[in-house]
N, C-alpha and C. Protein backbone atom coordinates (compact mmCIF):
# COMPACT_ATOMS: atom_id res chain seq x y z
N UNK A 1 0.82 -1.18 0.00
CA UNK A 1 0.00 0.00 0.00
C UNK A 1 0.87 1.25 0.00
N UNK A 2 0.42 2.23 -0.68
CA UNK A 2 1.17 3.48 -0.74
C UNK A 2 0.97 4.27 0.54
N UNK A 3 1.92 5.10 0.84
CA UNK A 3 1.84 5.96 2.01
C UNK A 3 0.92 7.14 1.74
N UNK A 4 0.82 7.55 0.48
CA UNK A 4 -0.01 8.71 0.14
C UNK A 4 -0.66 8.49 -1.23
N UNK A 5 -1.92 8.83 -1.33
CA UNK A 5 -2.64 8.74 -2.60
C UNK A 5 -3.08 10.14 -3.01
N UNK A 6 -3.02 10.41 -4.31
CA UNK A 6 -3.42 11.72 -4.82
C UNK A 6 -4.80 11.61 -5.46
N UNK A 7 -5.80 12.16 -4.80
CA UNK A 7 -7.17 12.12 -5.29
C UNK A 7 -7.58 13.42 -5.97
N UNK A 8 -6.67 14.36 -6.10
CA UNK A 8 -7.02 15.67 -6.64
C UNK A 8 -7.44 15.61 -8.11
N UNK A 9 -6.94 14.64 -8.86
CA UNK A 9 -7.27 14.56 -10.29
C UNK A 9 -8.53 13.71 -10.56
N UNK A 10 -9.08 13.13 -9.53
CA UNK A 10 -10.28 12.30 -9.72
C UNK A 10 -11.52 13.15 -9.90
N UNK A 11 -12.41 12.69 -10.74
CA UNK A 11 -13.67 13.38 -10.95
C UNK A 11 -14.75 12.57 -10.24
N UNK A 12 -15.45 13.19 -9.32
CA UNK A 12 -16.52 12.51 -8.61
C UNK A 12 -17.78 12.44 -9.45
N UNK A 13 -18.44 11.31 -9.41
CA UNK A 13 -19.71 11.16 -10.11
C UNK A 13 -20.76 10.70 -9.11
N UNK A 14 -21.97 11.16 -9.30
CA UNK A 14 -23.06 10.77 -8.43
C UNK A 14 -23.50 9.35 -8.73
N UNK A 15 -24.00 8.71 -7.72
CA UNK A 15 -24.52 7.36 -7.88
C UNK A 15 -25.83 7.43 -8.67
N UNK A 16 -25.89 6.82 -9.85
CA UNK A 16 -27.12 6.90 -10.65
C UNK A 16 -28.28 6.10 -10.05
N UNK A 17 -27.99 5.23 -9.11
CA UNK A 17 -29.02 4.37 -8.52
C UNK A 17 -29.50 4.87 -7.16
N UNK A 18 -29.09 6.06 -6.76
CA UNK A 18 -29.40 6.56 -5.42
C UNK A 18 -30.90 6.63 -5.16
N UNK A 19 -31.69 6.93 -6.18
CA UNK A 19 -33.14 7.01 -6.01
C UNK A 19 -33.80 5.66 -5.80
N UNK A 20 -33.13 4.60 -6.19
CA UNK A 20 -33.70 3.26 -6.08
C UNK A 20 -33.24 2.51 -4.84
N UNK A 21 -32.30 3.05 -4.10
CA UNK A 21 -31.71 2.30 -3.00
C UNK A 21 -32.67 2.09 -1.84
N UNK A 22 -33.03 3.13 -1.18
CA UNK A 22 -33.92 3.02 -0.02
C UNK A 22 -34.86 4.21 0.00
N UNK A 23 -35.98 4.01 0.66
CA UNK A 23 -36.95 5.09 0.82
C UNK A 23 -37.16 5.31 2.30
N UNK A 24 -37.07 6.54 2.72
CA UNK A 24 -37.28 6.88 4.12
C UNK A 24 -38.77 7.04 4.37
N UNK A 25 -39.29 6.28 5.35
CA UNK A 25 -40.71 6.36 5.70
C UNK A 25 -40.85 6.47 7.21
N UNK A 26 -42.03 6.82 7.64
CA UNK A 26 -42.35 6.81 9.06
C UNK A 26 -43.30 5.65 9.29
N UNK A 27 -42.99 4.83 10.29
CA UNK A 27 -43.81 3.68 10.59
C UNK A 27 -43.94 3.58 12.11
N UNK A 28 -45.12 3.27 12.57
CA UNK A 28 -45.36 3.15 14.00
C UNK A 28 -45.34 1.69 14.39
N UNK A 29 -44.41 1.33 15.27
CA UNK A 29 -44.27 -0.03 15.77
C UNK A 29 -44.43 -0.01 17.27
N UNK A 30 -44.97 -1.08 17.82
CA UNK A 30 -45.10 -1.11 19.27
C UNK A 30 -43.72 -1.34 19.91
N UNK A 31 -43.60 -0.89 21.14
CA UNK A 31 -42.32 -0.90 21.84
C UNK A 31 -41.69 -2.29 21.93
N UNK A 32 -42.45 -3.34 22.28
CA UNK A 32 -41.83 -4.67 22.36
C UNK A 32 -41.23 -5.14 21.02
N UNK A 33 -41.87 -4.77 19.92
CA UNK A 33 -41.35 -5.15 18.61
C UNK A 33 -40.01 -4.47 18.35
N UNK A 34 -39.93 -3.19 18.62
CA UNK A 34 -38.68 -2.46 18.41
C UNK A 34 -37.59 -2.99 19.33
N UNK A 35 -37.93 -3.25 20.59
CA UNK A 35 -36.94 -3.79 21.53
C UNK A 35 -36.43 -5.14 21.08
N UNK A 36 -37.32 -5.98 20.56
CA UNK A 36 -36.92 -7.31 20.07
C UNK A 36 -35.89 -7.16 18.95
N UNK A 37 -36.20 -6.32 17.95
CA UNK A 37 -35.28 -6.15 16.82
C UNK A 37 -33.99 -5.46 17.23
N UNK A 38 -34.05 -4.54 18.19
CA UNK A 38 -32.82 -3.90 18.67
C UNK A 38 -31.92 -4.91 19.36
N UNK A 39 -32.50 -5.78 20.20
CA UNK A 39 -31.71 -6.79 20.90
C UNK A 39 -31.10 -7.78 19.91
N UNK A 40 -31.89 -8.22 18.96
CA UNK A 40 -31.40 -9.16 17.96
C UNK A 40 -30.31 -8.53 17.10
N UNK A 41 -30.51 -7.28 16.74
CA UNK A 41 -29.52 -6.57 15.93
C UNK A 41 -28.21 -6.38 16.69
N UNK A 42 -28.31 -6.13 18.00
CA UNK A 42 -27.10 -5.98 18.82
C UNK A 42 -26.31 -7.29 18.84
N UNK A 43 -27.03 -8.42 18.94
CA UNK A 43 -26.36 -9.73 18.91
C UNK A 43 -25.65 -9.96 17.58
N UNK A 44 -26.28 -9.52 16.50
CA UNK A 44 -25.73 -9.73 15.17
C UNK A 44 -24.73 -8.66 14.76
N UNK A 45 -24.69 -7.54 15.52
CA UNK A 45 -23.76 -6.45 15.21
C UNK A 45 -24.17 -5.66 13.98
N UNK A 46 -25.44 -5.36 13.88
CA UNK A 46 -25.92 -4.58 12.75
C UNK A 46 -27.00 -3.62 13.21
N UNK A 47 -27.31 -2.57 12.45
CA UNK A 47 -28.38 -1.64 12.82
C UNK A 47 -29.75 -2.33 12.79
N UNK A 48 -30.60 -1.99 13.75
CA UNK A 48 -31.89 -2.67 13.84
C UNK A 48 -32.79 -2.33 12.65
N UNK A 49 -32.65 -1.12 12.08
CA UNK A 49 -33.45 -0.78 10.92
C UNK A 49 -33.11 -1.69 9.74
N UNK A 50 -31.83 -2.02 9.60
CA UNK A 50 -31.40 -2.92 8.53
C UNK A 50 -31.94 -4.32 8.76
N UNK A 51 -31.98 -4.75 10.00
CA UNK A 51 -32.52 -6.06 10.32
C UNK A 51 -34.01 -6.13 10.00
N UNK A 52 -34.76 -5.10 10.37
CA UNK A 52 -36.18 -5.06 10.05
C UNK A 52 -36.37 -5.07 8.53
N UNK A 53 -35.55 -4.32 7.80
CA UNK A 53 -35.63 -4.29 6.34
C UNK A 53 -35.35 -5.68 5.76
N UNK A 54 -34.34 -6.37 6.28
CA UNK A 54 -34.03 -7.72 5.79
C UNK A 54 -35.19 -8.68 6.03
N UNK A 55 -35.80 -8.58 7.21
CA UNK A 55 -36.92 -9.44 7.53
C UNK A 55 -38.10 -9.17 6.59
N UNK A 56 -38.42 -7.90 6.39
CA UNK A 56 -39.52 -7.55 5.50
C UNK A 56 -39.22 -7.94 4.05
N UNK A 57 -37.98 -7.78 3.63
CA UNK A 57 -37.60 -8.16 2.27
C UNK A 57 -37.75 -9.67 2.08
N UNK A 58 -37.39 -10.45 3.13
CA UNK A 58 -37.57 -11.90 3.07
C UNK A 58 -39.05 -12.25 2.91
N UNK A 59 -39.92 -11.52 3.60
CA UNK A 59 -41.36 -11.73 3.45
C UNK A 59 -41.81 -11.46 2.02
N UNK A 60 -41.26 -10.42 1.41
CA UNK A 60 -41.62 -10.07 0.03
C UNK A 60 -41.14 -11.14 -0.94
N UNK A 61 -39.88 -11.54 -0.79
CA UNK A 61 -39.29 -12.53 -1.71
C UNK A 61 -40.03 -13.87 -1.62
N UNK A 62 -40.37 -14.28 -0.41
CA UNK A 62 -41.06 -15.57 -0.23
C UNK A 62 -42.58 -15.43 -0.37
N UNK A 63 -43.04 -14.21 -0.64
CA UNK A 63 -44.47 -13.91 -0.80
C UNK A 63 -45.28 -14.39 0.40
N UNK A 64 -44.71 -14.20 1.58
CA UNK A 64 -45.38 -14.59 2.82
C UNK A 64 -46.51 -13.60 3.10
N UNK A 65 -47.67 -14.13 3.42
CA UNK A 65 -48.82 -13.28 3.72
C UNK A 65 -49.30 -13.56 5.13
N UNK A 66 -49.60 -12.50 5.84
CA UNK A 66 -50.09 -12.61 7.21
C UNK A 66 -51.56 -13.00 7.20
N UNK A 67 -51.89 -13.97 8.03
CA UNK A 67 -53.29 -14.39 8.17
C UNK A 67 -53.68 -14.25 9.63
N UNK A 68 -53.99 -13.02 10.05
CA UNK A 68 -54.33 -12.80 11.46
C UNK A 68 -55.57 -13.60 11.87
N UNK A 69 -55.51 -14.20 13.03
CA UNK A 69 -56.61 -15.04 13.49
C UNK A 69 -57.85 -14.22 13.80
N UNK A 70 -57.68 -12.95 14.20
CA UNK A 70 -58.85 -12.15 14.55
C UNK A 70 -59.69 -11.80 13.33
N UNK A 71 -59.12 -11.78 12.15
CA UNK A 71 -59.89 -11.48 10.94
C UNK A 71 -60.77 -12.66 10.58
N UNK A 72 -60.26 -13.87 10.72
CA UNK A 72 -61.04 -15.06 10.38
C UNK A 72 -62.22 -15.23 11.33
N UNK A 73 -62.07 -14.81 12.58
CA UNK A 73 -63.12 -14.98 13.57
C UNK A 73 -64.23 -13.96 13.41
N UNK A 74 -63.89 -12.78 12.95
CA UNK A 74 -64.88 -11.71 12.81
C UNK A 74 -65.21 -11.51 11.35
N UNK A 75 -66.45 -11.24 11.08
CA UNK A 75 -66.87 -10.99 9.70
C UNK A 75 -66.49 -9.58 9.27
N UNK A 76 -66.56 -9.32 7.99
CA UNK A 76 -66.20 -8.01 7.45
C UNK A 76 -67.10 -6.91 8.01
N UNK A 77 -68.38 -7.16 8.11
CA UNK A 77 -69.30 -6.13 8.59
C UNK A 77 -69.00 -5.77 10.04
N UNK A 78 -68.56 -6.76 10.84
CA UNK A 78 -68.21 -6.49 12.23
C UNK A 78 -66.99 -5.57 12.29
N UNK A 79 -66.03 -5.82 11.42
CA UNK A 79 -64.82 -4.98 11.40
C UNK A 79 -65.17 -3.55 11.00
N UNK A 80 -66.06 -3.39 10.05
CA UNK A 80 -66.45 -2.04 9.61
C UNK A 80 -67.18 -1.32 10.73
N UNK A 81 -68.11 -2.00 11.40
CA UNK A 81 -68.82 -1.36 12.52
C UNK A 81 -67.85 -0.97 13.62
N UNK A 82 -66.88 -1.84 13.93
CA UNK A 82 -65.90 -1.53 14.97
C UNK A 82 -65.07 -0.32 14.59
N UNK A 83 -64.68 -0.25 13.33
CA UNK A 83 -63.88 0.90 12.86
C UNK A 83 -64.71 2.18 12.94
N UNK A 84 -65.99 2.09 12.58
CA UNK A 84 -66.86 3.26 12.66
C UNK A 84 -67.04 3.72 14.10
N UNK A 85 -67.17 2.77 15.02
CA UNK A 85 -67.31 3.13 16.44
C UNK A 85 -66.04 3.82 16.95
N UNK A 86 -64.90 3.29 16.57
CA UNK A 86 -63.64 3.91 17.02
C UNK A 86 -63.51 5.31 16.46
N UNK A 87 -63.87 5.50 15.19
CA UNK A 87 -63.78 6.82 14.57
C UNK A 87 -64.72 7.80 15.23
N UNK A 88 -65.92 7.34 15.60
CA UNK A 88 -66.90 8.22 16.26
C UNK A 88 -66.46 8.61 17.67
N UNK A 89 -65.71 7.74 18.31
CA UNK A 89 -65.26 8.01 19.68
C UNK A 89 -64.17 9.07 19.73
N UNK A 90 -63.51 9.30 18.63
CA UNK A 90 -62.39 10.26 18.60
C UNK A 90 -62.87 11.64 18.62
């Protein structure tokens, strides 16, 4: 390895893929979920946001779909009435 490198003649170029890399969003997660991913990320030595992204990407690649048990137990009309009641209470 050289002791000194001359970067003055280099021309910097912008990354043409920067718009496709990641998108910053706001998402609300419950505290236990965030704590779980933070603890797991600390064990693995990586940022917890990256770990959550990897997990979600795995869900996308494997086309995993969530089937919550509470949806199967309640009918659609019950869910709509419940949502309307919550909205009216606000």
